[in-house]
Amino acid sequence: MTAFIMIVFIVLLLLAVPVGLSVGIASMLPSLLSDSFTVSGVYILRSALGGVNSYPLLAIPMFVLSGIIMSKGGVSKKLFEVFSYFVGRRTAGIPCAVVITCLFFGAISGSAPATVAAVGSMTIPLMLDMGYDKKFSVALVAVAGGLGVIIPPSIPFILYAQATGASVSDMFLAGIIPGILIAVILMGYAWYYCKKHGEDKEKINAIVGELHQRGFFRVFFSSFFALLTPVIILGCIYSGVTSPTEAAVIAVFYSLIISMFVYRTLKPRDLWGVLREAVRTFCPILFILAASVAFSRILTLMHVPQTVSAWMTGAFTTRFTILLVINLLLLIVGMVMDTSPAILILAPILMPIVSSYGVDAVHFGIIMVVNLAIGFVTPPIGVNLFVASSMSKVPVMEIAKKALPMIVLFLIAQLLITYIPQISLLLVQALEVK
């Protein structure tokens, strides 16, 4: 019966049935197919509702809302201006400023598609005005947007912690160095690309020159409150003042204050639209979350984690090979499944396997999220590709082809993160020592 249920689940996904509905149907099948199955439909519904009745999960809608407020409030523009001021005139300075802006906005929104939408809507037209190739500009934003789920605060980190019992604070801390590492690698590729293909320095200097005419202090203080956002969010968490959930609520109020009263880019009449967009964004996540929690419990009752664990530990005997196989599995899953259900379904299955090989739960969480972040820019599901395509009118496959070298570098970074645990655990262990 287990094999039949998994086949039905995969077929539903291939037929483009919404993920939440596919997971819900798969969760109900055992009780419908077999009278001897010990779990009733009522239990499944209670499991689904119980799975979302969680205090840490309240952070997700709050981070979604704060990210949308920041996006509508033009915070990404402020961030881009200050980074362009410092590096804009250097080789690949503007593409590097785009990557750094994605890094910082990811520390505000916690979402990869939101980062692509907020940063891309402003930077892609500007890069085209500076003479950069359109496909390169769009691909760069699409790939760099993946930093939105790696750099803290990250919604997938919260979901992973919920699924495995890992600390949300530790997950946030562990994502900092991997996020910076990937950003540096992407900036290195941008430098190589611009060296090879050249830049229109005249157009770049004309636009960056306008920033320099405004002067350092005007540019910096204009961007100061935007730069302060991740400092406040993470500072509240790691100073022990607030929990991640409370920090998310603070992020909402802070984003409202600076957008409405400091930058004055958000009007009271805009708030209803912001709230509607936040609800439309979070509700599918909530439905997927509830269905995935029920599905994971059904899989546990059917002894799927134990079966998979026994097979994998029998087939692969070393830590190196087991991590390599899991990486390949997650890459494939990331291509066809959204991040949230992938984490909620696979994390409880894979965590016992890697634990038996001595892999730290926080380290594995970073491995999992970085792998699935690559799925944001790989067809057929790559959400970042579709967001970037809708903004630029460049076909999805054209963006994917241009992004291929950056995806390869992303994979290299993933291997480094997988086999050098200290990249993820250095800051976590340093904080524990203190």
Protein backbone atom coordinates (compact mmCIF):
# COMPACT_ATOMS: atom_id res chain seq x y z
CA MET A 1 0.00 0.00 0.00
CA THR A 2 2.88 2.37 0.74
CA ALA A 3 4.19 2.11 -2.81
CA PHE A 4 0.72 2.75 -4.24
CA ILE A 5 0.24 5.86 -2.10
CA MET A 6 3.63 7.29 -3.14
CA ILE A 7 2.83 6.59 -6.81
CA VAL A 8 -0.52 8.38 -6.48
CA PHE A 9 1.22 11.32 -4.78
CA ILE A 10 3.83 11.60 -7.56
CA VAL A 11 1.20 11.27 -10.30
CA LEU A 12 -0.86 14.05 -8.72
CA LEU A 13 2.20 16.32 -8.68
CA LEU A 14 2.95 15.50 -12.33
CA LEU A 15 -0.65 16.36 -13.21
CA ALA A 16 -0.09 19.82 -11.66
CA VAL A 17 -2.56 19.22 -8.84
CA PRO A 18 -1.77 21.83 -6.14
CA VAL A 19 0.82 20.49 -3.71
CA GLY A 20 -1.34 20.99 -0.62
CA LEU A 21 -4.23 19.08 -2.20
CA SER A 22 -1.91 16.30 -3.42
CA VAL A 23 -0.48 15.85 0.07
CA GLY A 24 -3.97 15.92 1.61
CA ILE A 25 -5.27 13.23 -0.76
CA ALA A 26 -2.24 11.04 -0.11
CA SER A 27 -2.79 11.44 3.63
CA MET A 28 -6.39 10.23 3.42
CA LEU A 29 -5.76 7.25 1.13
CA PRO A 30 -4.62 4.69 3.77
CA SER A 31 -7.81 5.04 5.82
CA LEU A 32 -9.93 4.90 2.65
CA LEU A 33 -8.18 1.89 1.12
CA SER A 34 -7.91 -0.33 4.18
CA ASP A 35 -10.38 -0.87 7.02
CA SER A 36 -7.57 -2.38 9.04
CA PHE A 37 -5.54 0.83 9.02
CA THR A 38 -5.52 2.05 12.62
CA VAL A 39 -5.95 5.75 11.85
CA SER A 40 -9.28 7.34 10.95
CA GLY A 41 -9.93 10.38 8.82
CA VAL A 42 -10.82 12.33 11.97
CA TYR A 43 -7.35 11.66 13.40
CA ILE A 44 -5.75 12.88 10.18
CA LEU A 45 -7.72 16.13 10.31
CA ARG A 46 -6.80 16.62 13.97
CA SER A 47 -3.14 15.99 13.11
CA ALA A 48 -3.31 18.59 10.36
CA LEU A 49 -4.86 21.20 12.63
CA GLY A 50 -2.54 20.33 15.50
CA GLY A 51 0.46 20.71 13.24
CA VAL A 52 -0.27 24.38 12.60
CA ASN A 53 -1.23 25.12 16.21
CA SER A 54 2.34 26.08 17.05
CA TYR A 55 3.79 29.24 18.59
CA PRO A 56 7.06 29.17 16.56
CA LEU A 57 5.07 28.96 13.32
CA LEU A 58 3.53 32.35 14.06
CA ALA A 59 6.85 33.80 12.94
CA ILE A 60 6.14 32.79 9.33
CA PRO A 61 3.12 35.06 8.63
CA MET A 62 4.86 37.88 10.50
CA PHE A 63 8.02 37.61 8.39
CA VAL A 64 5.89 37.33 5.25
CA LEU A 65 4.00 40.50 6.21
CA SER A 66 7.14 42.48 7.14
CA GLY A 67 8.81 41.45 3.88
CA ILE A 68 5.82 42.64 1.82
CA ILE A 69 5.70 45.93 3.73
CA MET A 70 9.41 46.47 3.09
CA SER A 71 8.97 45.59 -0.57
CA LYS A 72 6.06 48.00 -1.05
CA GLY A 73 7.92 50.60 0.99
CA GLY A 74 10.86 50.67 -1.43
CA VAL A 75 13.43 49.40 1.07
CA SER A 76 15.25 47.40 -1.63
CA LYS A 77 15.89 50.68 -3.51
CA LYS A 78 17.48 52.23 -0.42
CA LEU A 79 19.71 49.19 0.08
CA PHE A 80 20.78 49.13 -3.57
CA GLU A 81 21.67 52.83 -3.53
CA VAL A 82 24.08 52.56 -0.62
CA PHE A 83 25.82 49.46 -2.00
CA SER A 84 26.04 51.00 -5.47
CA TYR A 85 27.62 54.10 -3.94
CA PHE A 86 30.51 52.07 -2.57
CA VAL A 87 31.15 49.51 -5.33
CA GLY A 88 29.28 50.80 -8.38
CA ARG A 89 32.31 52.17 -10.22
CA ARG A 90 34.41 49.03 -9.80
CA THR A 91 34.45 46.12 -12.27
CA ALA A 92 31.12 44.27 -11.86
CA GLY A 93 30.26 46.74 -9.12
CA ILE A 94 26.58 47.01 -10.05
CA PRO A 95 26.01 43.20 -10.33
CA CYS A 96 27.81 42.81 -6.99
CA ALA A 97 25.55 45.49 -5.50
CA VAL A 98 22.56 43.46 -6.76
CA VAL A 99 23.83 40.32 -4.99
CA ILE A 100 24.50 42.21 -1.74
CA THR A 101 21.04 43.79 -1.93
CA CYS A 102 19.50 40.31 -2.30
CA LEU A 103 21.54 39.19 0.70
CA PHE A 104 20.26 42.04 2.87
CA PHE A 105 16.68 41.90 1.63
CA GLY A 106 16.69 38.15 2.28
CA ALA A 107 17.54 39.04 5.89
CA ILE A 108 14.32 41.06 5.94
CA SER A 109 11.82 38.93 4.02
CA GLY A 110 12.96 35.34 4.66
CA SER A 111 11.59 34.39 1.24
CA ALA A 112 13.39 33.75 -2.06
CA PRO A 113 10.52 34.71 -4.43
CA ALA A 114 9.86 37.88 -2.40
CA THR A 115 13.54 38.80 -2.67
CA VAL A 116 13.51 38.30 -6.45
CA ALA A 117 10.34 40.38 -6.82
CA ALA A 118 11.44 43.24 -4.56
CA VAL A 119 15.04 43.51 -5.78
CA GLY A 120 14.43 42.55 -9.41
CA SER A 121 11.61 45.01 -10.04
CA MET A 122 13.99 47.84 -9.23
CA THR A 123 17.45 46.59 -10.29
CA ILE A 124 16.71 44.84 -13.61
CA PRO A 125 15.50 48.01 -15.41
CA LEU A 126 18.42 49.92 -13.92
CA MET A 127 20.96 47.35 -15.10
CA LEU A 128 19.46 47.47 -18.59
CA ASP A 129 19.84 51.26 -18.58
CA MET A 130 23.51 50.74 -17.71
CA GLY A 131 24.01 48.49 -20.74
CA TYR A 132 24.08 45.05 -19.10
CA ASP A 133 22.75 42.06 -21.03
CA LYS A 134 19.09 41.49 -20.18
CA LYS A 135 19.31 37.71 -19.76
CA PHE A 136 22.38 38.02 -17.52
CA SER A 137 20.67 40.67 -15.37
CA VAL A 138 17.51 38.61 -14.93
CA ALA A 139 19.42 35.37 -14.25
CA LEU A 140 21.64 37.07 -11.66
CA VAL A 141 18.64 38.34 -9.70
CA ALA A 142 16.87 34.97 -9.95
CA VAL A 143 19.86 33.04 -8.57
CA ALA A 144 20.85 35.63 -5.95
CA GLY A 145 17.24 35.66 -4.79
CA GLY A 146 17.86 32.15 -3.47
CA LEU A 147 19.85 33.80 -0.68
CA GLY A 148 16.48 34.85 0.73
CA VAL A 149 15.95 31.39 2.26
CA ILE A 150 19.56 30.84 3.36
CA ILE A 151 20.41 34.07 5.13
CA PRO A 152 18.40 34.44 8.37
CA PRO A 153 15.60 34.96 9.18
CA SER A 154 14.44 32.20 6.84
CA ILE A 155 10.97 30.67 6.59
CA PRO A 156 12.35 27.21 5.57
CA PHE A 157 14.59 27.26 8.66
CA ILE A 158 11.50 27.71 10.84
CA LEU A 159 9.74 24.84 9.06
CA TYR A 160 12.78 22.57 9.41
CA ALA A 161 13.00 23.35 13.13
CA GLN A 162 9.30 22.56 13.47
CA ALA A 163 9.74 19.23 11.66
CA THR A 164 12.86 18.04 13.50
CA GLY A 165 12.88 19.81 16.86
CA ALA A 166 16.05 21.78 16.06
CA SER A 167 16.48 25.25 17.54
CA VAL A 168 15.19 28.07 15.31
CA SER A 169 17.81 30.43 16.75
CA ASP A 170 20.60 27.97 15.98
CA MET A 171 19.30 27.52 12.44
CA PHE A 172 19.27 31.27 11.90
CA LEU A 173 22.82 31.60 13.22
CA ALA A 174 24.07 28.67 11.14
CA GLY A 175 22.76 30.22 7.92
CA ILE A 176 24.88 33.38 8.10
CA ILE A 177 28.26 32.05 6.88
CA PRO A 178 26.79 29.78 4.14
CA GLY A 179 24.72 32.72 2.87
CA ILE A 180 27.75 35.00 2.75
CA LEU A 181 29.84 32.26 1.10
CA ILE A 182 27.33 31.80 -1.72
CA ALA A 183 27.01 35.57 -2.16
CA VAL A 184 30.80 35.91 -2.50
CA ILE A 185 30.91 33.10 -5.07
CA LEU A 186 28.15 34.74 -7.12
CA MET A 187 29.96 38.07 -6.99
CA GLY A 188 33.11 36.31 -8.18
CA TYR A 189 31.23 34.97 -11.19
CA ALA A 190 29.77 38.42 -11.90
CA TRP A 191 33.31 39.87 -11.90
CA TYR A 192 34.48 37.16 -14.33
CA TYR A 193 31.45 37.72 -16.61
CA CYS A 194 31.95 41.47 -16.71
CA LYS A 195 35.70 41.10 -17.35
CA LYS A 196 34.97 38.77 -20.24
CA HIS A 197 32.07 40.65 -21.83
CA GLY A 198 32.90 44.20 -20.76
CA GLU A 199 30.76 46.98 -19.27
CA ASP A 200 29.48 50.32 -20.50
CA LYS A 201 31.48 52.44 -18.06
CA GLU A 202 30.10 55.68 -19.46
CA LYS A 203 26.49 54.76 -18.64
CA ILE A 204 27.47 53.26 -15.28
CA ASN A 205 29.48 56.30 -14.21
CA ALA A 206 26.66 58.62 -15.25
CA ILE A 207 24.11 56.86 -13.02
CA VAL A 208 26.47 56.11 -10.10
CA GLY A 209 27.80 59.65 -10.40
CA GLU A 210 24.34 60.96 -9.47
CA LEU A 211 24.63 59.05 -6.18
CA HIS A 212 28.08 60.52 -5.53
CA GLN A 213 26.76 64.00 -6.21
CA ARG A 214 24.26 63.50 -3.40
CA GLY A 215 27.20 62.80 -1.09
CA PHE A 216 28.05 59.95 1.24
CA PHE A 217 26.10 61.17 4.26
CA ARG A 218 22.86 61.75 2.36
CA VAL A 219 23.02 58.33 0.70
CA PHE A 220 24.03 56.54 3.89
CA PHE A 221 21.48 58.18 6.18
CA SER A 222 18.78 57.65 3.56
CA SER A 223 19.55 53.92 3.72
CA PHE A 224 20.40 53.74 7.43
CA PHE A 225 17.02 52.50 8.68
CA ALA A 226 16.84 49.87 5.94
CA LEU A 227 20.33 48.61 6.84
CA LEU A 228 19.31 48.51 10.49
CA THR A 229 16.43 46.07 9.90
CA PRO A 230 18.36 42.76 9.97
CA VAL A 231 20.46 44.07 12.85
CA ILE A 232 17.34 44.68 14.92
CA ILE A 233 15.72 41.34 14.02
CA LEU A 234 18.78 39.16 14.65
CA GLY A 235 20.05 41.33 17.51
CA CYS A 236 16.80 40.87 19.42
CA ILE A 237 17.01 37.10 18.98
CA TYR A 238 20.67 36.55 19.90
CA SER A 239 20.75 39.04 22.74
CA GLY A 240 18.03 36.95 24.38
CA VAL A 241 15.57 39.86 24.40
CA THR A 242 13.01 38.09 22.22
CA SER A 243 12.21 34.75 20.67
CA PRO A 244 12.22 34.44 16.85
CA THR A 245 8.42 34.77 16.85
CA GLU A 246 8.51 37.95 18.92
CA ALA A 247 11.30 39.31 16.70
CA ALA A 248 9.07 38.70 13.67
CA VAL A 249 6.33 40.82 15.24
CA ILE A 250 8.87 43.56 15.96
CA ALA A 251 9.93 43.37 12.30
CA VAL A 252 6.33 44.06 11.23
CA PHE A 253 6.02 47.16 13.41
CA TYR A 254 9.50 48.40 12.48
CA SER A 255 8.81 47.96 8.76
CA LEU A 256 5.53 49.86 9.13
CA ILE A 257 7.18 52.72 10.99
CA ILE A 258 10.04 53.27 8.56
CA SER A 259 7.88 52.77 5.45
CA MET A 260 5.06 55.08 6.59
CA PHE A 261 6.79 57.69 8.74
CA VAL A 262 10.50 57.70 7.80
CA TYR A 263 10.57 57.05 4.04
CA ARG A 264 6.86 57.90 3.59
CA THR A 265 6.66 55.48 0.68
CA LEU A 266 3.66 53.60 2.11
CA LYS A 267 0.31 55.32 2.63
CA PRO A 268 -2.49 54.23 4.99
CA ARG A 269 -4.66 53.45 1.95
CA ASP A 270 -2.00 50.93 0.83
CA LEU A 271 -2.26 48.83 3.99
CA TRP A 272 -5.37 46.90 2.92
CA GLY A 273 -3.61 45.77 -0.26
CA VAL A 274 -0.51 44.78 1.74
CA LEU A 275 -2.60 42.69 4.16
CA ARG A 276 -4.46 41.00 1.30
CA GLU A 277 -1.18 40.09 -0.40
CA ALA A 278 0.23 38.74 2.88
CA VAL A 279 -2.86 36.54 3.36
CA ARG A 280 -2.69 35.30 -0.25
CA THR A 281 0.99 34.47 0.25
CA PHE A 282 0.70 32.76 3.62
CA CYS A 283 -2.56 30.81 3.24
CA PRO A 284 -1.16 28.33 0.68
CA ILE A 285 1.85 27.82 2.97
CA LEU A 286 -0.50 27.19 5.89
CA PHE A 287 -2.57 24.65 3.95
CA ILE A 288 0.56 22.86 2.72
CA LEU A 289 1.95 22.88 6.25
CA ALA A 290 -1.18 21.32 7.74
CA ALA A 291 -1.42 18.65 5.04
CA SER A 292 2.31 17.87 5.24
CA VAL A 293 2.22 17.39 9.01
CA ALA A 294 -0.64 14.88 8.62
CA PHE A 295 1.18 13.14 5.76
CA SER A 296 4.42 12.83 7.73
CA ARG A 297 2.52 11.23 10.63
CA ILE A 298 0.84 8.77 8.28
CA LEU A 299 4.24 7.85 6.83
CA THR A 300 5.56 7.31 10.36
CA LEU A 301 2.64 5.00 11.22
CA MET A 302 3.34 3.06 8.01
CA HIS A 303 7.01 2.74 9.12
CA VAL A 304 8.26 4.51 6.01
CA PRO A 305 11.11 6.36 7.80
CA GLN A 306 12.37 3.10 9.31
CA THR A 307 12.15 1.29 5.96
CA VAL A 308 13.97 4.05 4.07
CA SER A 309 16.58 4.33 6.83
CA ALA A 310 17.25 0.57 6.82
CA TRP A 311 17.59 0.52 3.04
CA MET A 312 19.89 3.54 2.80
CA THR A 313 22.15 2.52 5.68
CA GLY A 314 22.41 -0.95 4.17
CA ALA A 315 23.14 0.28 0.65
CA PHE A 316 25.55 3.09 1.59
CA THR A 317 28.04 2.44 4.34
CA THR A 318 30.02 5.68 4.64
CA ARG A 319 29.08 9.18 5.72
CA PHE A 320 30.52 10.60 2.49
CA THR A 321 28.31 8.48 0.22
CA ILE A 322 25.14 8.84 2.28
CA LEU A 323 25.44 12.64 2.21
CA LEU A 324 26.15 12.59 -1.52
CA VAL A 325 23.06 10.45 -2.21
CA ILE A 326 20.87 12.64 0.00
CA ASN A 327 22.17 15.74 -1.78
CA LEU A 328 21.21 14.23 -5.14
CA LEU A 329 17.79 13.25 -3.79
CA LEU A 330 17.13 16.76 -2.46
CA LEU A 331 18.26 18.37 -5.71
CA ILE A 332 15.79 16.24 -7.66
CA VAL A 333 13.01 16.92 -5.13
CA GLY A 334 13.75 20.66 -5.30
CA MET A 335 13.19 20.57 -9.06
CA VAL A 336 9.64 19.25 -8.76
CA MET A 337 8.39 20.22 -5.30
CA ASP A 338 8.11 23.46 -3.37
CA THR A 339 10.43 23.97 -0.40
CA SER A 340 7.84 23.89 2.38
CA PRO A 341 6.27 20.44 1.73
CA ALA A 342 9.69 19.01 0.82
CA ILE A 343 11.07 19.97 4.22
CA LEU A 344 8.02 18.89 6.20
CA ILE A 345 7.80 15.49 4.46
CA LEU A 346 11.48 14.59 4.03
CA ALA A 347 13.13 16.07 7.13
CA PRO A 348 11.52 13.57 9.58
CA ILE A 349 12.51 10.71 7.23
CA LEU A 350 16.09 11.76 6.52
CA MET A 351 17.05 13.14 9.92
CA PRO A 352 17.30 9.72 11.67
CA ILE A 353 19.46 8.45 8.79
CA VAL A 354 22.05 11.24 8.93
CA SER A 355 21.99 11.20 12.75
CA SER A 356 23.17 7.59 12.67
CA TYR A 357 26.25 8.84 10.77
CA GLY A 358 26.94 11.58 13.31
CA VAL A 359 25.64 14.52 11.26
CA ASP A 360 24.51 17.44 13.43
CA ALA A 361 20.80 18.32 13.10
CA VAL A 362 21.52 22.02 12.52
CA HIS A 363 24.20 21.24 9.93
CA PHE A 364 21.81 18.93 8.09
CA GLY A 365 19.17 21.65 8.13
CA ILE A 366 21.55 23.97 6.27
CA ILE A 367 22.38 21.19 3.78
CA MET A 368 18.70 20.60 3.15
CA VAL A 369 17.68 24.25 2.74
CA VAL A 370 20.63 25.11 0.47
CA ASN A 371 19.81 22.12 -1.73
CA LEU A 372 16.18 23.13 -1.99
CA ALA A 373 17.21 26.76 -2.61
CA ILE A 374 18.90 25.54 -5.80
CA GLY A 375 15.47 24.20 -6.77
CA PHE A 376 14.23 27.80 -6.90
CA VAL A 377 16.24 28.29 -10.09
CA THR A 378 15.94 24.86 -11.72
CA PRO A 379 13.07 23.89 -14.06
CA PRO A 380 10.35 22.75 -14.07
CA ILE A 381 9.14 24.25 -10.76
CA GLY A 382 11.84 26.92 -10.21
CA VAL A 383 9.72 29.63 -8.60
CA ASN A 384 12.41 32.31 -8.87
CA LEU A 385 12.60 31.71 -12.62
CA PHE A 386 8.87 32.29 -13.04
CA VAL A 387 8.92 35.43 -10.86
CA ALA A 388 11.88 36.84 -12.81
CA SER A 389 10.29 35.88 -16.12
CA SER A 390 7.01 37.60 -15.25
CA MET A 391 8.88 40.83 -14.49
CA SER A 392 11.22 40.79 -17.49
CA LYS A 393 9.21 38.90 -20.15
CA VAL A 394 12.29 36.69 -20.75
CA PRO A 395 11.24 33.01 -21.23
CA VAL A 396 11.90 30.76 -18.24
CA MET A 397 14.21 28.39 -20.13
CA GLU A 398 16.28 31.31 -21.45
CA ILE A 399 16.83 32.51 -17.89
CA ALA A 400 17.71 28.97 -16.79
CA LYS A 401 20.32 28.62 -19.55
CA LYS A 402 21.96 31.92 -18.61
CA ALA A 403 21.85 30.96 -14.94
CA LEU A 404 23.51 27.57 -15.51
CA PRO A 405 27.10 28.68 -14.61
CA MET A 406 25.81 30.29 -11.42
CA ILE A 407 23.86 27.15 -10.54
CA VAL A 408 27.05 25.10 -10.98
CA LEU A 409 28.84 27.44 -8.56
CA PHE A 410 25.89 27.13 -6.18
CA LEU A 411 26.38 23.35 -6.31
CA ILE A 412 30.10 23.70 -5.53
CA ALA A 413 29.22 25.84 -2.52
CA GLN A 414 26.71 23.17 -1.48
CA LEU A 415 29.43 20.49 -1.53
CA LEU A 416 31.68 22.70 0.62
CA ILE A 417 28.83 23.27 3.08
CA THR A 418 28.03 19.53 3.15
CA TYR A 419 31.54 18.24 3.81
CA ILE A 420 32.91 21.10 5.92
CA PRO A 421 30.46 21.27 8.87
CA GLN A 422 32.25 24.23 10.46
CA ILE A 423 30.97 26.50 7.71
CA SER A 424 27.52 26.04 9.23
CA LEU A 425 28.37 25.34 12.86
CA LEU A 426 31.17 27.84 13.59
CA LEU A 427 28.94 30.65 14.84
CA VAL A 428 26.60 28.26 16.66
CA GLN A 429 29.48 26.69 18.58
CA ALA A 430 31.07 30.08 19.25
CA LEU A 431 27.82 31.32 20.81
CA GLU A 432 27.52 28.17 22.92
CA VAL A 433 31.06 28.69 24.28
CA LYS A 434 30.15 32.20 25.37
